[in-house]
Amino acid sequence: MIMQEGQTAPEPPRPTEGPGASQPAWWNQVPILLFGGMLVLMLFRQGRREKQEKQKLLDSLQKNDKVLTVGGIYGTIVAIGQNGDELTLKIDDNVKVRVTRTAIMRKVSPGDAAKAGEA
């Protein structure tokens, strides 16, 4: 075969099966997609678990529990509203605050509340 000026040599045929066969271009992205999918699933699972723990805490709140609000206020639950969503916290003598149940971040032990009062 005589090649004329400006022509290129034809590419040799590639094998379609066996060890020399090339893979589709998207095949290289499969591990990245699998890793991303696993990461998303783990994040959703962790978020769901934290939400369940928070709901468990909120459901277990009772009168005389010492709590910390999301605003950083330590108090003792002195009353729970009729609908159960509103709490009255005693912060100090003659100081009471009404908050929603979701404003409670965690229960605290009596030692933690005493340390906060000293600071």
PDB file of N, CA and C in Angstrom:
ATOM      1  N   MET A   1       0.838  -1.152   0.000  1.00  0.00           N
ATOM      2  CA  MET A   1       0.000   0.000   0.000  1.00  0.00           C
ATOM      3  C   MET A   1       0.897   1.234   0.000  1.00  0.00           C
ATOM      4  N   ILE A   2       0.661   2.061  -0.902  1.00  0.00           N
ATOM      5  CA  ILE A   2       1.441   3.274  -1.033  1.00  0.00           C
ATOM      6  C   ILE A   2       0.650   4.407  -0.400  1.00  0.00           C
ATOM      7  N   MET A   3       1.326   5.121   0.512  1.00  0.00           N
ATOM      8  CA  MET A   3       0.666   6.239   1.174  1.00  0.00           C
ATOM      9  C   MET A   3       1.002   7.517   0.446  1.00  0.00           C
ATOM     10  N   GLN A   4       0.003   8.295   0.237  1.00  0.00           N
ATOM     11  CA  GLN A   4       0.224   9.577  -0.411  1.00  0.00           C
ATOM     12  C   GLN A   4       0.393  10.660   0.649  1.00  0.00           C
ATOM     13  N   GLU A   5       0.860  11.783   0.228  1.00  0.00           N
ATOM     14  CA  GLU A   5       1.104  12.886   1.147  1.00  0.00           C
ATOM     15  C   GLU A   5      -0.201  13.326   1.808  1.00  0.00           C
ATOM     16  N   GLY A   6      -0.189  13.536   3.170  1.00  0.00           N
ATOM     17  CA  GLY A   6      -1.358  13.981   3.918  1.00  0.00           C
ATOM     18  C   GLY A   6      -2.191  12.836   4.468  1.00  0.00           C
ATOM     19  N   GLN A   7      -1.890  11.619   4.090  1.00  0.00           N
ATOM     20  CA  GLN A   7      -2.636  10.484   4.602  1.00  0.00           C
ATOM     21  C   GLN A   7      -1.940   9.927   5.846  1.00  0.00           C
ATOM     22  N   THR A   8      -2.734   9.371   6.744  1.00  0.00           N
ATOM     23  CA  THR A   8      -2.162   8.718   7.925  1.00  0.00           C
ATOM     24  C   THR A   8      -2.396   7.229   7.820  1.00  0.00           C
ATOM     25  N   ALA A   9      -1.585   6.519   8.537  1.00  0.00           N
ATOM     26  CA  ALA A   9      -1.711   5.060   8.514  1.00  0.00           C
ATOM     27  C   ALA A   9      -2.972   4.665   9.275  1.00  0.00           C
ATOM     28  N   PRO A  10      -3.709   3.698   8.787  1.00  0.00           N
ATOM     29  CA  PRO A  10      -4.912   3.244   9.490  1.00  0.00           C
ATOM     30  C   PRO A  10      -4.531   2.568  10.809  1.00  0.00           C
ATOM     31  N   GLU A  11      -5.399   2.734  11.818  1.00  0.00           N
ATOM     32  CA  GLU A  11      -5.143   2.111  13.119  1.00  0.00           C
ATOM     33  C   GLU A  11      -5.388   0.618  13.020  1.00  0.00           C
ATOM     34  N   PRO A  12      -4.580  -0.155  13.726  1.00  0.00           N
ATOM     35  CA  PRO A  12      -4.823  -1.601  13.712  1.00  0.00           C
ATOM     36  C   PRO A  12      -6.108  -1.911  14.487  1.00  0.00           C
ATOM     37  N   PRO A  13      -6.798  -2.949  14.155  1.00  0.00           N
ATOM     38  CA  PRO A  13      -8.040  -3.281  14.854  1.00  0.00           C
ATOM     39  C   PRO A  13      -7.756  -3.647  16.322  1.00  0.00           C
ATOM     40  N   ARG A  14      -8.624  -3.202  17.228  1.00  0.00           N
ATOM     41  CA  ARG A  14      -8.476  -3.511  18.656  1.00  0.00           C
ATOM     42  C   ARG A  14      -9.280  -4.771  18.967  1.00  0.00           C
ATOM     43  N   PRO A  15      -8.771  -5.566  19.879  1.00  0.00           N
ATOM     44  CA  PRO A  15      -9.527  -6.775  20.235  1.00  0.00           C
ATOM     45  C   PRO A  15     -10.797  -6.396  21.005  1.00  0.00           C
ATOM     46  N   THR A  16     -11.870  -7.114  20.744  1.00  0.00           N
ATOM     47  CA  THR A  16     -13.133  -6.840  21.415  1.00  0.00           C
ATOM     48  C   THR A  16     -13.328  -7.729  22.639  1.00  0.00           C
ATOM     49  N   GLU A  17     -12.568  -8.782  22.759  1.00  0.00           N
ATOM     50  CA  GLU A  17     -12.652  -9.673  23.907  1.00  0.00           C
ATOM     51  C   GLU A  17     -11.251 -10.069  24.334  1.00  0.00           C
ATOM     52  N   GLY A  18     -11.136 -10.500  25.585  1.00  0.00           N
ATOM     53  CA  GLY A  18      -9.849 -10.979  26.062  1.00  0.00           C
ATOM     54  C   GLY A  18      -9.087  -9.915  26.824  1.00  0.00           C
ATOM     55  N   PRO A  19      -7.821 -10.214  27.155  1.00  0.00           N
ATOM     56  CA  PRO A  19      -7.051  -9.314  28.003  1.00  0.00           C
ATOM     57  C   PRO A  19      -6.707  -7.970  27.356  1.00  0.00           C
ATOM     58  N   GLY A  20      -6.665  -7.875  26.080  1.00  0.00           N
ATOM     59  CA  GLY A  20      -6.307  -6.622  25.423  1.00  0.00           C
ATOM     60  C   GLY A  20      -7.497  -5.731  25.118  1.00  0.00           C
ATOM     61  N   ALA A  21      -8.693  -6.172  25.438  1.00  0.00           N
ATOM     62  CA  ALA A  21      -9.893  -5.404  25.104  1.00  0.00           C
ATOM     63  C   ALA A  21      -9.973  -4.156  25.980  1.00  0.00           C
ATOM     64  N   SER A  22     -10.361  -3.056  25.398  1.00  0.00           N
ATOM     65  CA  SER A  22     -10.491  -1.810  26.173  1.00  0.00           C
ATOM     66  C   SER A  22     -11.880  -1.765  26.806  1.00  0.00           C
ATOM     67  N   GLN A  23     -11.957  -1.095  27.962  1.00  0.00           N
ATOM     68  CA  GLN A  23     -13.225  -0.975  28.670  1.00  0.00           C
ATOM     69  C   GLN A  23     -13.909   0.320  28.254  1.00  0.00           C
ATOM     70  N   PRO A  24     -15.208   0.397  28.459  1.00  0.00           N
ATOM     71  CA  PRO A  24     -15.895   1.655  28.149  1.00  0.00           C
ATOM     72  C   PRO A  24     -15.357   2.776  29.039  1.00  0.00           C
ATOM     73  N   ALA A  25     -15.457   4.004  28.586  1.00  0.00           N
ATOM     74  CA  ALA A  25     -14.897   5.147  29.306  1.00  0.00           C
ATOM     75  C   ALA A  25     -15.557   5.334  30.673  1.00  0.00           C
ATOM     76  N   TRP A  26     -16.844   5.067  30.806  1.00  0.00           N
ATOM     77  CA  TRP A  26     -17.535   5.265  32.078  1.00  0.00           C
ATOM     78  C   TRP A  26     -17.126   4.246  33.125  1.00  0.00           C
ATOM     79  N   TRP A  27     -16.529   3.153  32.719  1.00  0.00           N
ATOM     80  CA  TRP A  27     -16.149   2.088  33.646  1.00  0.00           C
ATOM     81  C   TRP A  27     -15.138   2.575  34.690  1.00  0.00           C
ATOM     82  N   ASN A  28     -14.312   3.550  34.334  1.00  0.00           N
ATOM     83  CA  ASN A  28     -13.318   4.081  35.272  1.00  0.00           C
ATOM     84  C   ASN A  28     -13.961   4.909  36.384  1.00  0.00           C
ATOM     85  N   GLN A  29     -15.176   5.373  36.193  1.00  0.00           N
ATOM     86  CA  GLN A  29     -15.848   6.203  37.188  1.00  0.00           C
ATOM     87  C   GLN A  29     -16.702   5.395  38.167  1.00  0.00           C
ATOM     88  N   VAL A  30     -16.862   4.117  37.916  1.00  0.00           N
ATOM     89  CA  VAL A  30     -17.694   3.278  38.782  1.00  0.00           C
ATOM     90  C   VAL A  30     -17.192   3.263  40.224  1.00  0.00           C
ATOM     91  N   PRO A  31     -15.894   3.073  40.510  1.00  0.00           N
ATOM     92  CA  PRO A  31     -15.455   3.075  41.913  1.00  0.00           C
ATOM     93  C   PRO A  31     -15.737   4.405  42.616  1.00  0.00           C
ATOM     94  N   ILE A  32     -15.593   5.510  41.914  1.00  0.00           N
ATOM     95  CA  ILE A  32     -15.862   6.824  42.508  1.00  0.00           C
ATOM     96  C   ILE A  32     -17.342   6.943  42.846  1.00  0.00           C
ATOM     97  N   LEU A  33     -18.205   6.504  41.960  1.00  0.00           N
ATOM     98  CA  LEU A  33     -19.643   6.565  42.210  1.00  0.00           C
ATOM     99  C   LEU A  33     -20.043   5.661  43.373  1.00  0.00           C
ATOM    100  N   LEU A  34     -19.462   4.474  43.452  1.00  0.00           N
ATOM    101  CA  LEU A  34     -19.762   3.570  44.565  1.00  0.00           C
ATOM    102  C   LEU A  34     -19.314   4.176  45.893  1.00  0.00           C
ATOM    103  N   PHE A  35     -18.123   4.758  45.920  1.00  0.00           N
ATOM    104  CA  PHE A  35     -17.619   5.388  47.141  1.00  0.00           C
ATOM    105  C   PHE A  35     -18.521   6.555  47.553  1.00  0.00           C
ATOM    106  N   GLY A  36     -18.917   7.375  46.599  1.00  0.00           N
ATOM    107  CA  GLY A  36     -19.811   8.499  46.890  1.00  0.00           C
ATOM    108  C   GLY A  36     -21.153   8.026  47.421  1.00  0.00           C
ATOM    109  N   GLY A  37     -21.698   6.966  46.844  1.00  0.00           N
ATOM    110  CA  GLY A  37     -22.965   6.414  47.314  1.00  0.00           C
ATOM    111  C   GLY A  37     -22.871   5.891  48.741  1.00  0.00           C
ATOM    112  N   MET A  38     -21.780   5.214  49.062  1.00  0.00           N
ATOM    113  CA  MET A  38     -21.589   4.706  50.429  1.00  0.00           C
ATOM    114  C   MET A  38     -21.454   5.864  51.413  1.00  0.00           C
ATOM    115  N   LEU A  39     -20.761   6.912  51.024  1.00  0.00           N
ATOM    116  CA  LEU A  39     -20.583   8.077  51.894  1.00  0.00           C
ATOM    117  C   LEU A  39     -21.923   8.739  52.202  1.00  0.00           C
ATOM    118  N   VAL A  40     -22.748   8.909  51.196  1.00  0.00           N
ATOM    119  CA  VAL A  40     -24.063   9.519  51.386  1.00  0.00           C
ATOM    120  C   VAL A  40     -24.927   8.655  52.306  1.00  0.00           C
ATOM    121  N   LEU A  41     -24.909   7.344  52.109  1.00  0.00           N
ATOM    122  CA  LEU A  41     -25.700   6.456  52.960  1.00  0.00           C
ATOM    123  C   LEU A  41     -25.249   6.521  54.411  1.00  0.00           C
ATOM    124  N   MET A  42     -23.944   6.581  54.644  1.00  0.00           N
ATOM    125  CA  MET A  42     -23.441   6.658  56.016  1.00  0.00           C
ATOM    126  C   MET A  42     -23.848   7.971  56.671  1.00  0.00           C
ATOM    127  N   LEU A  43     -23.819   9.071  55.933  1.00  0.00           N
ATOM    128  CA  LEU A  43     -24.214  10.359  56.494  1.00  0.00           C
ATOM    129  C   LEU A  43     -25.697  10.374  56.848  1.00  0.00           C
ATOM    130  N   PHE A  44     -26.545   9.833  55.995  1.00  0.00           N
ATOM    131  CA  PHE A  44     -27.975   9.769  56.288  1.00  0.00           C
ATOM    132  C   PHE A  44     -28.241   8.910  57.512  1.00  0.00           C
ATOM    133  N   ARG A  45     -27.524   7.806  57.622  1.00  0.00           N
ATOM    134  CA  ARG A  45     -27.725   6.906  58.757  1.00  0.00           C
ATOM    135  C   ARG A  45     -27.328   7.593  60.067  1.00  0.00           C
ATOM    136  N   GLN A  46     -26.213   8.287  60.053  1.00  0.00           N
ATOM    137  CA  GLN A  46     -25.758   8.981  61.261  1.00  0.00           C
ATOM    138  C   GLN A  46     -26.742  10.079  61.657  1.00  0.00           C
ATOM    139  N   GLY A  47     -27.229  10.831  60.698  1.00  0.00           N
ATOM    140  CA  GLY A  47     -28.194  11.892  60.981  1.00  0.00           C
ATOM    141  C   GLY A  47     -29.483  11.338  61.563  1.00  0.00           C
ATOM    142  N   ARG A  48     -29.928  10.211  61.035  1.00  0.00           N
ATOM    143  CA  ARG A  48     -31.148   9.589  61.537  1.00  0.00           C
ATOM    144  C   ARG A  48     -30.950   9.108  62.974  1.00  0.00           C
ATOM    145  N   ARG A  49     -29.780   8.544  63.257  1.00  0.00           N
ATOM    146  CA  ARG A  49     -29.500   8.053  64.608  1.00  0.00           C
ATOM    147  C   ARG A  49     -29.477   9.211  65.605  1.00  0.00           C
ATOM    148  N   GLU A  50     -28.842  10.322  65.241  1.00  0.00           N
ATOM    149  CA  GLU A  50     -28.792  11.484  66.128  1.00  0.00           C
ATOM    150  C   GLU A  50     -30.195  12.044  66.370  1.00  0.00           C
ATOM    151  N   LYS A  51     -31.018  12.056  65.337  1.00  0.00           N
ATOM    152  CA  LYS A  51     -32.383  12.551  65.476  1.00  0.00           C
ATOM    153  C   LYS A  51     -33.181  11.658  66.419  1.00  0.00           C
ATOM    154  N   GLN A  52     -32.995  10.345  66.334  1.00  0.00           N
ATOM    155  CA  GLN A  52     -33.696   9.421  67.223  1.00  0.00           C
ATOM    156  C   GLN A  52     -33.253   9.618  68.669  1.00  0.00           C
ATOM    157  N   GLU A  53     -31.948   9.818  68.887  1.00  0.00           N
ATOM    158  CA  GLU A  53     -31.443  10.044  70.243  1.00  0.00           C
ATOM    159  C   GLU A  53     -31.999  11.336  70.824  1.00  0.00           C
ATOM    160  N   LYS A  54     -32.065  12.379  70.021  1.00  0.00           N
ATOM    161  CA  LYS A  54     -32.608  13.665  70.476  1.00  0.00           C
ATOM    162  C   LYS A  54     -34.087  13.517  70.837  1.00  0.00           C
ATOM    163  N   GLN A  55     -34.842  12.801  70.011  1.00  0.00           N
ATOM    164  CA  GLN A  55     -36.268  12.604  70.286  1.00  0.00           C
ATOM    165  C   GLN A  55     -36.461  11.792  71.562  1.00  0.00           C
ATOM    166  N   LYS A  56     -35.610  10.809  71.766  1.00  0.00           N
ATOM    167  CA  LYS A  56     -35.666   9.993  72.985  1.00  0.00           C
ATOM    168  C   LYS A  56     -35.425  10.872  74.216  1.00  0.00           C
ATOM    169  N   LEU A  57     -34.439  11.767  74.130  1.00  0.00           N
ATOM    170  CA  LEU A  57     -34.155  12.686  75.232  1.00  0.00           C
ATOM    171  C   LEU A  57     -35.355  13.585  75.502  1.00  0.00           C
ATOM    172  N   LEU A  58     -35.923  14.169  74.457  1.00  0.00           N
ATOM    173  CA  LEU A  58     -37.052  15.090  74.631  1.00  0.00           C
ATOM    174  C   LEU A  58     -38.273  14.387  75.210  1.00  0.00           C
ATOM    175  N   ASP A  59     -38.485  13.136  74.821  1.00  0.00           N
ATOM    176  CA  ASP A  59     -39.624  12.387  75.346  1.00  0.00           C
ATOM    177  C   ASP A  59     -39.441  12.023  76.821  1.00  0.00           C
ATOM    178  N   SER A  60     -38.198  11.924  77.265  1.00  0.00           N
ATOM    179  CA  SER A  60     -37.940  11.493  78.644  1.00  0.00           C
ATOM    180  C   SER A  60     -37.896  12.656  79.643  1.00  0.00           C
ATOM    181  N   LEU A  61     -38.060  13.888  79.185  1.00  0.00           N
ATOM    182  CA  LEU A  61     -38.000  15.029  80.102  1.00  0.00           C
ATOM    183  C   LEU A  61     -39.157  14.993  81.099  1.00  0.00           C
ATOM    184  N   GLN A  62     -38.819  15.245  82.376  1.00  0.00           N
ATOM    185  CA  GLN A  62     -39.822  15.249  83.434  1.00  0.00           C
ATOM    186  C   GLN A  62     -39.590  16.445  84.340  1.00  0.00           C
ATOM    187  N   LYS A  63     -40.551  16.672  85.208  1.00  0.00           N
ATOM    188  CA  LYS A  63     -40.447  17.751  86.179  1.00  0.00           C
ATOM    189  C   LYS A  63     -39.240  17.480  87.089  1.00  0.00           C
ATOM    190  N   ASN A  64     -38.538  18.542  87.466  1.00  0.00           N
ATOM    191  CA  ASN A  64     -37.344  18.521  88.325  1.00  0.00           C
ATOM    192  C   ASN A  64     -36.070  18.020  87.628  1.00  0.00           C
ATOM    193  N   ASP A  65     -36.112  17.796  86.304  1.00  0.00           N
ATOM    194  CA  ASP A  65     -34.882  17.463  85.562  1.00  0.00           C
ATOM    195  C   ASP A  65     -34.064  18.734  85.383  1.00  0.00           C
ATOM    196  N   LYS A  66     -32.767  18.615  85.570  1.00  0.00           N
ATOM    197  CA  LYS A  66     -31.869  19.747  85.326  1.00  0.00           C
ATOM    198  C   LYS A  66     -31.419  19.644  83.872  1.00  0.00           C
ATOM    199  N   VAL A  67     -31.543  20.759  83.137  1.00  0.00           N
ATOM    200  CA  VAL A  67     -31.291  20.743  81.695  1.00  0.00           C
ATOM    201  C   VAL A  67     -30.437  21.932  81.274  1.00  0.00           C
ATOM    202  N   LEU A  68     -29.898  21.817  80.074  1.00  0.00           N
ATOM    203  CA  LEU A  68     -29.163  22.900  79.426  1.00  0.00           C
ATOM    204  C   LEU A  68     -29.877  23.213  78.123  1.00  0.00           C
ATOM    205  N   THR A  69     -30.189  24.489  77.893  1.00  0.00           N
ATOM    206  CA  THR A  69     -30.864  24.874  76.655  1.00  0.00           C
ATOM    207  C   THR A  69     -29.837  25.115  75.559  1.00  0.00           C
ATOM    208  N   VAL A  70     -30.314  25.221  74.326  1.00  0.00           N
ATOM    209  CA  VAL A  70     -29.419  25.494  73.208  1.00  0.00           C
ATOM    210  C   VAL A  70     -28.812  26.887  73.310  1.00  0.00           C
ATOM    211  N   GLY A  71     -29.431  27.748  74.102  1.00  0.00           N
ATOM    212  CA  GLY A  71     -28.906  29.093  74.328  1.00  0.00           C
ATOM    213  C   GLY A  71     -27.868  29.150  75.438  1.00  0.00           C
ATOM    214  N   GLY A  72     -27.601  28.004  76.088  1.00  0.00           N
ATOM    215  CA  GLY A  72     -26.585  27.957  77.124  1.00  0.00           C
ATOM    216  C   GLY A  72     -27.104  28.265  78.519  1.00  0.00           C
ATOM    217  N   ILE A  73     -28.406  28.195  78.721  1.00  0.00           N
ATOM    218  CA  ILE A  73     -29.002  28.504  80.020  1.00  0.00           C
ATOM    219  C   ILE A  73     -29.257  27.201  80.772  1.00  0.00           C
ATOM    220  N   TYR A  74     -28.726  27.134  81.993  1.00  0.00           N
ATOM    221  CA  TYR A  74     -28.991  25.994  82.865  1.00  0.00           C
ATOM    222  C   TYR A  74     -30.269  26.275  83.643  1.00  0.00           C
ATOM    223  N   GLY A  75     -31.102  25.252  83.798  1.00  0.00           N
ATOM    224  CA  GLY A  75     -32.322  25.429  84.563  1.00  0.00           C
ATOM    225  C   GLY A  75     -32.900  24.099  84.993  1.00  0.00           C
ATOM    226  N   THR A  76     -33.942  24.184  85.801  1.00  0.00           N
ATOM    227  CA  THR A  76     -34.659  23.011  86.281  1.00  0.00           C
ATOM    228  C   THR A  76     -36.093  23.098  85.794  1.00  0.00           C
ATOM    229  N   ILE A  77     -36.605  22.003  85.263  1.00  0.00           N
ATOM    230  CA  ILE A  77     -37.983  21.991  84.769  1.00  0.00           C
ATOM    231  C   ILE A  77     -38.925  22.016  85.969  1.00  0.00           C
ATOM    232  N   VAL A  78     -39.764  23.049  86.024  1.00  0.00           N
ATOM    233  CA  VAL A  78     -40.723  23.147  87.126  1.00  0.00           C
ATOM    234  C   VAL A  78     -42.154  22.899  86.656  1.00  0.00           C
ATOM    235  N   ALA A  79     -42.406  23.010  85.367  1.00  0.00           N
ATOM    236  CA  ALA A  79     -43.759  22.755  84.853  1.00  0.00           C
ATOM    237  C   ALA A  79     -43.668  22.362  83.380  1.00  0.00           C
ATOM    238  N   ILE A  80     -44.617  21.527  82.994  1.00  0.00           N
ATOM    239  CA  ILE A  80     -44.728  21.117  81.592  1.00  0.00           C
ATOM    240  C   ILE A  80     -46.105  21.532  81.116  1.00  0.00           C
ATOM    241  N   GLY A  81     -46.156  22.223  79.984  1.00  0.00           N
ATOM    242  CA  GLY A  81     -47.426  22.729  79.453  1.00  0.00           C
ATOM    243  C   GLY A  81     -48.405  21.614  79.145  1.00  0.00           C
ATOM    244  N   GLN A  82     -49.680  21.982  78.971  1.00  0.00           N
ATOM    245  CA  GLN A  82     -50.722  20.990  78.728  1.00  0.00           C
ATOM    246  C   GLN A  82     -50.486  20.223  77.429  1.00  0.00           C
ATOM    247  N   ASN A  83     -50.000  20.908  76.403  1.00  0.00           N
ATOM    248  CA  ASN A  83     -49.754  20.218  75.134  1.00  0.00           C
ATOM    249  C   ASN A  83     -48.425  19.453  75.154  1.00  0.00           C
ATOM    250  N   GLY A  84     -47.619  19.660  76.191  1.00  0.00           N
ATOM    251  CA  GLY A  84     -46.364  18.924  76.337  1.00  0.00           C
ATOM    252  C   GLY A  84     -45.208  19.526  75.572  1.00  0.00           C
ATOM    253  N   ASP A  85     -45.465  20.562  74.788  1.00  0.00           N
ATOM    254  CA  ASP A  85     -44.404  21.159  73.981  1.00  0.00           C
ATOM    255  C   ASP A  85     -43.731  22.331  74.696  1.00  0.00           C
ATOM    256  N   GLU A  86     -44.373  22.861  75.722  1.00  0.00           N
ATOM    257  CA  GLU A  86     -43.843  24.039  76.409  1.00  0.00           C
ATOM    258  C   GLU A  86     -43.389  23.645  77.813  1.00  0.00           C
ATOM    259  N   LEU A  87     -42.173  24.087  78.171  1.00  0.00           N
ATOM    260  CA  LEU A  87     -41.618  23.806  79.485  1.00  0.00           C
ATOM    261  C   LEU A  87     -41.356  25.125  80.208  1.00  0.00           C
ATOM    262  N   THR A  88     -41.482  25.106  81.520  1.00  0.00           N
ATOM    263  CA  THR A  88     -41.112  26.259  82.324  1.00  0.00           C
ATOM    264  C   THR A  88     -39.871  25.870  83.115  1.00  0.00           C
ATOM    265  N   LEU A  89     -38.804  26.648  82.932  1.00  0.00           N
ATOM    266  CA  LEU A  89     -37.537  26.380  83.610  1.00  0.00           C
ATOM    267  C   LEU A  89     -37.325  27.383  84.722  1.00  0.00           C
ATOM    268  N   LYS A  90     -36.878  26.897  85.869  1.00  0.00           N
ATOM    269  CA  LYS A  90     -36.475  27.777  86.957  1.00  0.00           C
ATOM    270  C   LYS A  90     -34.966  27.954  86.831  1.00  0.00           C
ATOM    271  N   ILE A  91     -34.547  29.200  86.625  1.00  0.00           N
ATOM    272  CA  ILE A  91     -33.139  29.496  86.432  1.00  0.00           C
ATOM    273  C   ILE A  91     -32.497  29.916  87.745  1.00  0.00           C
ATOM    274  N   ASP A  92     -33.193  30.713  88.499  1.00  0.00           N
ATOM    275  CA  ASP A  92     -32.711  31.211  89.786  1.00  0.00           C
ATOM    276  C   ASP A  92     -33.941  31.505  90.648  1.00  0.00           C
ATOM    277  N   ASP A  93     -33.736  31.928  91.866  1.00  0.00           N
ATOM    278  CA  ASP A  93     -34.876  32.276  92.714  1.00  0.00           C
ATOM    279  C   ASP A  93     -35.686  33.377  92.042  1.00  0.00           C
ATOM    280  N   ASN A  94     -36.966  33.168  91.934  1.00  0.00           N
ATOM    281  CA  ASN A  94     -37.907  34.118  91.327  1.00  0.00           C
ATOM    282  C   ASN A  94     -37.625  34.408  89.857  1.00  0.00           C
ATOM    283  N   VAL A  95     -36.887  33.519  89.165  1.00  0.00           N
ATOM    284  CA  VAL A  95     -36.634  33.698  87.730  1.00  0.00           C
ATOM    285  C   VAL A  95     -37.065  32.424  87.014  1.00  0.00           C
ATOM    286  N   LYS A  96     -38.105  32.542  86.196  1.00  0.00           N
ATOM    287  CA  LYS A  96     -38.605  31.411  85.427  1.00  0.00           C
ATOM    288  C   LYS A  96     -38.693  31.808  83.964  1.00  0.00           C
ATOM    289  N   VAL A  97     -38.441  30.853  83.095  1.00  0.00           N
ATOM    290  CA  VAL A  97     -38.456  31.097  81.649  1.00  0.00           C
ATOM    291  C   VAL A  97     -39.267  29.990  80.993  1.00  0.00           C
ATOM    292  N   ARG A  98     -40.105  30.369  80.035  1.00  0.00           N
ATOM    293  CA  ARG A  98     -40.846  29.378  79.248  1.00  0.00           C
ATOM    294  C   ARG A  98     -40.087  29.133  77.951  1.00  0.00           C
ATOM    295  N   VAL A  99     -39.879  27.858  77.624  1.00  0.00           N
ATOM    296  CA  VAL A  99     -39.189  27.480  76.384  1.00  0.00           C
ATOM    297  C   VAL A  99     -39.934  26.314  75.742  1.00  0.00           C
ATOM    298  N   THR A 100     -39.675  26.104  74.478  1.00  0.00           N
ATOM    299  CA  THR A 100     -40.236  24.918  73.825  1.00  0.00           C
ATOM    300  C   THR A 100     -39.375  23.716  74.160  1.00  0.00           C
ATOM    301  N   ARG A 101     -39.939  22.567  74.027  1.00  0.00           N
ATOM    302  CA  ARG A 101     -39.235  21.320  74.348  1.00  0.00           C
ATOM    303  C   ARG A 101     -37.983  21.157  73.466  1.00  0.00           C
ATOM    304  N   THR A 102     -38.064  21.614  72.219  1.00  0.00           N
ATOM    305  CA  THR A 102     -36.923  21.452  71.306  1.00  0.00           C
ATOM    306  C   THR A 102     -35.760  22.373  71.657  1.00  0.00           C
ATOM    307  N   ALA A 103     -35.959  23.325  72.576  1.00  0.00           N
ATOM    308  CA  ALA A 103     -34.873  24.215  72.986  1.00  0.00           C
ATOM    309  C   ALA A 103     -33.929  23.540  73.979  1.00  0.00           C
ATOM    310  N   ILE A 104     -34.273  22.337  74.428  1.00  0.00           N
ATOM    311  CA  ILE A 104     -33.431  21.620  75.381  1.00  0.00           C
ATOM    312  C   ILE A 104     -32.349  20.875  74.608  1.00  0.00           C
ATOM    313  N   MET A 105     -31.091  21.132  74.995  1.00  0.00           N
ATOM    314  CA  MET A 105     -29.978  20.455  74.329  1.00  0.00           C
ATOM    315  C   MET A 105     -29.651  19.135  75.011  1.00  0.00           C
ATOM    316  N   ARG A 106     -29.600  19.151  76.354  1.00  0.00           N
ATOM    317  CA  ARG A 106     -29.280  17.915  77.073  1.00  0.00           C
ATOM    318  C   ARG A 106     -29.657  18.045  78.536  1.00  0.00           C
ATOM    319  N   LYS A 107     -29.729  16.886  79.181  1.00  0.00           N
ATOM    320  CA  LYS A 107     -29.893  16.852  80.629  1.00  0.00           C
ATOM    321  C   LYS A 107     -28.505  17.001  81.238  1.00  0.00           C
ATOM    322  N   VAL A 108     -28.450  17.600  82.401  1.00  0.00           N
ATOM    323  CA  VAL A 108     -27.165  17.756  83.070  1.00  0.00           C
ATOM    324  C   VAL A 108     -27.248  17.148  84.464  1.00  0.00           C
ATOM    325  N   SER A 109     -26.107  16.721  84.947  1.00  0.00           N
ATOM    326  CA  SER A 109     -26.063  16.201  86.312  1.00  0.00           C
ATOM    327  C   SER A 109     -26.003  17.387  87.261  1.00  0.00           C
ATOM    328  N   PRO A 110     -26.358  17.192  88.519  1.00  0.00           N
ATOM    329  CA  PRO A 110     -26.320  18.317  89.474  1.00  0.00           C
ATOM    330  C   PRO A 110     -24.933  18.929  89.577  1.00  0.00           C
ATOM    331  N   GLY A 111     -23.888  18.163  89.414  1.00  0.00           N
ATOM    332  CA  GLY A 111     -22.522  18.705  89.482  1.00  0.00           C
ATOM    333  C   GLY A 111     -22.223  19.675  88.351  1.00  0.00           C
ATOM    334  N   ASP A 112     -22.726  19.372  87.161  1.00  0.00           N
ATOM    335  CA  ASP A 112     -22.502  20.264  86.007  1.00  0.00           C
ATOM    336  C   ASP A 112     -23.200  21.597  86.207  1.00  0.00           C
ATOM    337  N   ALA A 113     -24.406  21.567  86.736  1.00  0.00           N
ATOM    338  CA  ALA A 113     -25.150  22.810  86.968  1.00  0.00           C
ATOM    339  C   ALA A 113     -24.475  23.654  88.050  1.00  0.00           C
ATOM    340  N   ALA A 114     -23.914  22.992  89.064  1.00  0.00           N
ATOM    341  CA  ALA A 114     -23.236  23.734  90.126  1.00  0.00           C
ATOM    342  C   ALA A 114     -21.974  24.408  89.591  1.00  0.00           C
ATOM    343  N   LYS A 115     -21.249  23.722  88.749  1.00  0.00           N
ATOM    344  CA  LYS A 115     -20.038  24.312  88.147  1.00  0.00           C
ATOM    345  C   LYS A 115     -20.399  25.528  87.311  1.00  0.00           C
ATOM    346  N   ALA A 116     -21.509  25.446  86.578  1.00  0.00           N
ATOM    347  CA  ALA A 116     -21.934  26.561  85.736  1.00  0.00           C
ATOM    348  C   ALA A 116     -22.345  27.745  86.594  1.00  0.00           C
ATOM    349  N   GLY A 117     -22.938  27.490  87.768  1.00  0.00           N
ATOM    350  CA  GLY A 117     -23.359  28.572  88.647  1.00  0.00           C
ATOM    351  C   GLY A 117     -22.180  29.295  89.277  1.00  0.00           C
ATOM    352  N   GLU A 118     -21.055  28.596  89.469  1.00  0.00           N
ATOM    353  CA  GLU A 118     -19.865  29.205  90.068  1.00  0.00           C
ATOM    354  C   GLU A 118     -19.153  30.116  89.082  1.00  0.00           C
ATOM    355  N   ALA A 119     -19.212  29.789  87.806  1.00  0.00           N
ATOM    356  CA  ALA A 119     -18.444  30.535  86.806  1.00  0.00           C
ATOM    357  C   ALA A 119     -18.988  31.912  86.541  1.00  0.00           C
TER     358      ALA A 119
END
